[in-house]
Amino acid sequence: MRTRIAVAVALLGLAASSQAFAQWSTHTEDDIFSGGKKAMLWGDISQTQSVAFDCDSESLTLALLQKEKWSETRTSTSWNLLMKVDKGEIHRFKAVSLKRNDIYIQYVTVEKDEILKLLADLRNAKTPILLGLQSDEFDSKWSGTVSPTGSTRETDKFLEACNLK
């Protein structure tokens, strides 16, 4: 009996610790306008950056989020957003920079078909996901990674909430 209790406690501890280290999370809530759901799936890149997928009954977006205030004099600009999962293809998106809220700016795309292909790859991710952001206008490049930890479970939650399964 003690052995069973010890095993149960150990398994609960492992489950809790793997949740704490998960790099991907999903937030789902009811959508008052459609009667369905809206959801956000995000992966942590760093303390100041994340990648986020958002959906509601009418849209699906992908954004690179940067913790930074949007200057009132700043204008939206065009960017290339790149993501690669494992040894798969590089998913290429045309993105625009915009204010997301008072804390974050975003480089966002609405290319639904390519976002869906990326989500299919993300559910099976085994190695760090590569991200890139590039501007020809500013001759600027940035790259980063996000861990695959939790991507399968959280992508499944997101796809179900968004009715994309």
Protein backbone atom coordinates (compact mmCIF):
# COMPACT_ATOMS: atom_id res chain seq x y z
CA MET A 1 0.00 0.00 0.00
CA ARG A 2 2.83 2.40 0.88
CA THR A 3 4.51 1.66 -2.44
CA ARG A 4 1.35 2.57 -4.37
CA ILE A 5 1.04 5.84 -2.46
CA ALA A 6 4.73 6.65 -3.03
CA VAL A 7 4.37 5.95 -6.78
CA ALA A 8 1.21 8.07 -6.98
CA VAL A 9 2.90 10.97 -5.19
CA ALA A 10 5.97 10.68 -7.46
CA LEU A 11 3.81 10.67 -10.59
CA LEU A 12 1.89 13.72 -9.38
CA GLY A 13 5.19 15.48 -8.72
CA LEU A 14 6.45 14.68 -12.23
CA ALA A 15 3.20 15.87 -13.78
CA ALA A 16 3.33 19.11 -11.81
CA SER A 17 6.98 19.73 -12.63
CA SER A 18 6.50 19.06 -16.35
CA GLN A 19 3.57 21.50 -16.34
CA ALA A 20 5.76 24.11 -14.67
CA PHE A 21 8.46 23.74 -17.33
CA ALA A 22 6.09 23.63 -20.32
CA GLN A 23 7.04 26.25 -22.88
CA TRP A 24 3.61 26.29 -24.55
CA SER A 25 0.27 27.35 -23.08
CA THR A 26 -3.29 27.76 -24.33
CA HIS A 27 -5.94 30.12 -23.02
CA THR A 28 -9.53 29.52 -24.14
CA GLU A 29 -12.67 31.51 -23.37
CA ASP A 30 -16.22 31.84 -24.58
CA ASP A 31 -16.80 34.23 -27.49
CA ILE A 32 -19.89 36.34 -26.81
CA PHE A 33 -20.21 37.32 -30.47
CA SER A 34 -20.22 33.87 -32.07
CA GLY A 35 -21.40 31.66 -29.22
CA GLY A 36 -18.23 29.61 -29.84
CA LYS A 37 -14.76 29.91 -28.41
CA LYS A 38 -11.76 32.15 -28.87
CA ALA A 39 -8.30 31.00 -27.96
CA MET A 40 -4.65 31.96 -27.78
CA LEU A 41 -1.72 29.52 -28.02
CA TRP A 42 1.67 30.93 -27.10
CA GLY A 43 5.20 29.71 -26.76
CA ASP A 44 7.79 31.48 -24.64
CA ILE A 45 10.97 32.54 -26.41
CA SER A 46 12.38 34.67 -23.60
CA GLN A 47 11.11 36.89 -20.78
CA THR A 48 10.34 39.60 -23.33
CA GLN A 49 9.32 37.60 -26.40
CA SER A 50 6.70 35.03 -27.33
CA VAL A 51 5.11 33.55 -30.40
CA ALA A 52 1.30 33.60 -30.34
CA PHE A 53 -1.52 32.09 -32.36
CA ASP A 54 -4.96 33.69 -31.90
CA CYS A 55 -8.35 32.55 -33.18
CA ASP A 56 -12.00 33.42 -32.94
CA SER A 57 -14.96 32.50 -35.14
CA GLU A 58 -13.73 34.78 -37.93
CA SER A 59 -9.94 34.82 -37.88
CA LEU A 60 -6.68 32.99 -37.28
CA THR A 61 -3.45 34.93 -36.76
CA LEU A 62 0.19 34.25 -35.92
CA ALA A 63 2.35 36.87 -34.22
CA LEU A 64 5.80 37.35 -32.78
CA LEU A 65 5.29 39.39 -29.60
CA GLN A 66 7.93 41.75 -28.22
CA LYS A 67 7.61 43.43 -24.82
CA GLU A 68 7.99 47.02 -25.91
CA LYS A 69 5.84 50.15 -25.87
CA TRP A 70 4.53 51.30 -29.24
CA SER A 71 5.57 54.88 -29.84
CA GLU A 72 2.70 57.08 -30.99
CA THR A 73 4.93 58.35 -33.82
CA ARG A 74 5.79 54.83 -35.01
CA THR A 75 4.23 53.57 -38.22
CA SER A 76 3.43 50.01 -39.18
CA THR A 77 6.09 48.35 -41.34
CA SER A 78 6.37 45.14 -43.39
CA TRP A 79 8.40 42.16 -42.18
CA ASN A 80 9.14 38.55 -43.11
CA LEU A 81 8.30 36.12 -40.31
CA LEU A 82 9.88 32.67 -40.60
CA MET A 83 9.31 29.50 -38.56
CA LYS A 84 10.77 26.03 -38.92
CA VAL A 85 9.84 22.90 -36.99
CA ASP A 86 12.34 20.05 -36.78
CA LYS A 87 13.79 19.30 -40.24
CA GLY A 88 10.64 20.43 -42.03
CA GLU A 89 10.08 23.26 -44.45
CA ILE A 90 10.54 26.90 -43.51
CA HIS A 91 7.13 28.51 -43.16
CA ARG A 92 7.33 32.03 -44.60
CA PHE A 93 4.86 34.76 -43.76
CA LYS A 94 4.39 38.41 -44.70
CA ALA A 95 3.83 40.25 -41.42
CA VAL A 96 3.20 43.81 -40.30
CA SER A 97 4.34 45.48 -37.09
CA LEU A 98 1.49 46.76 -34.92
CA LYS A 99 0.67 47.71 -31.35
CA ARG A 100 -0.85 44.67 -29.61
CA ASN A 101 -1.59 46.33 -26.28
CA ASP A 102 0.06 48.74 -23.82
CA ILE A 103 2.85 46.25 -23.08
CA TYR A 104 3.56 44.42 -26.36
CA ILE A 105 4.12 45.14 -30.02
CA GLN A 106 3.53 42.39 -32.55
CA TYR A 107 4.66 41.25 -35.96
CA VAL A 108 1.46 39.63 -37.16
CA THR A 109 0.26 37.66 -40.17
CA VAL A 110 -3.19 36.43 -41.24
CA GLU A 111 -2.07 33.83 -43.83
CA LYS A 112 -4.48 31.12 -42.67
CA ASP A 113 -3.42 28.25 -44.96
CA GLU A 114 0.25 28.56 -44.04
CA ILE A 115 -0.58 29.03 -40.34
CA LEU A 116 -2.55 25.77 -40.43
CA LYS A 117 0.44 23.96 -41.99
CA LEU A 118 2.68 25.36 -39.26
CA LEU A 119 0.25 24.24 -36.53
CA ALA A 120 0.25 20.70 -37.99
CA ASP A 121 4.05 20.69 -37.80
CA LEU A 122 4.05 22.22 -34.32
CA ARG A 123 1.91 19.41 -32.88
CA ASN A 124 4.71 16.96 -33.75
CA ALA A 125 7.70 19.11 -32.76
CA LYS A 126 10.61 17.24 -31.21
CA THR A 127 13.42 19.82 -31.35
CA PRO A 128 13.52 23.58 -30.67
CA ILE A 129 11.35 25.55 -33.08
CA LEU A 130 13.34 28.13 -35.05
CA LEU A 131 11.97 31.65 -35.59
CA GLY A 132 13.23 34.48 -37.75
CA LEU A 133 12.16 38.05 -38.36
CA GLN A 134 13.58 40.05 -41.23
CA SER A 135 13.10 43.52 -42.68
CA ASP A 136 14.49 44.52 -46.06
CA GLU A 137 13.50 48.12 -45.33
CA PHE A 138 15.68 48.31 -42.20
CA ASP A 139 18.27 45.69 -43.28
CA SER A 140 17.49 43.91 -40.03
CA LYS A 141 17.44 40.23 -38.99
CA TRP A 142 16.56 38.53 -35.70
CA SER A 143 16.38 34.84 -34.85
CA GLY A 144 15.34 32.84 -31.81
CA THR A 145 14.02 29.49 -30.65
CA VAL A 146 11.20 28.14 -28.55
CA SER A 147 11.24 24.75 -26.86
CA PRO A 148 8.85 22.07 -28.13
CA THR A 149 7.90 21.15 -24.53
CA GLY A 150 4.10 21.04 -24.29
CA SER A 151 3.54 21.92 -27.96
CA THR A 152 1.55 18.78 -28.83
CA ARG A 153 -0.89 18.99 -25.93
CA GLU A 154 -1.38 22.75 -26.20
CA THR A 155 -1.69 22.80 -29.99
CA ASP A 156 -4.38 20.12 -29.73
CA LYS A 157 -6.27 22.26 -27.18
CA PHE A 158 -5.99 25.30 -29.45
CA LEU A 159 -7.09 23.46 -32.60
CA GLU A 160 -10.09 21.99 -30.78
CA ALA A 161 -11.16 25.33 -29.29
CA CYS A 162 -10.85 26.97 -32.74
CA ASN A 163 -12.72 24.15 -34.51
CA LEU A 164 -9.69 23.56 -36.73
CA LYS A 165 -9.30 19.80 -36.10
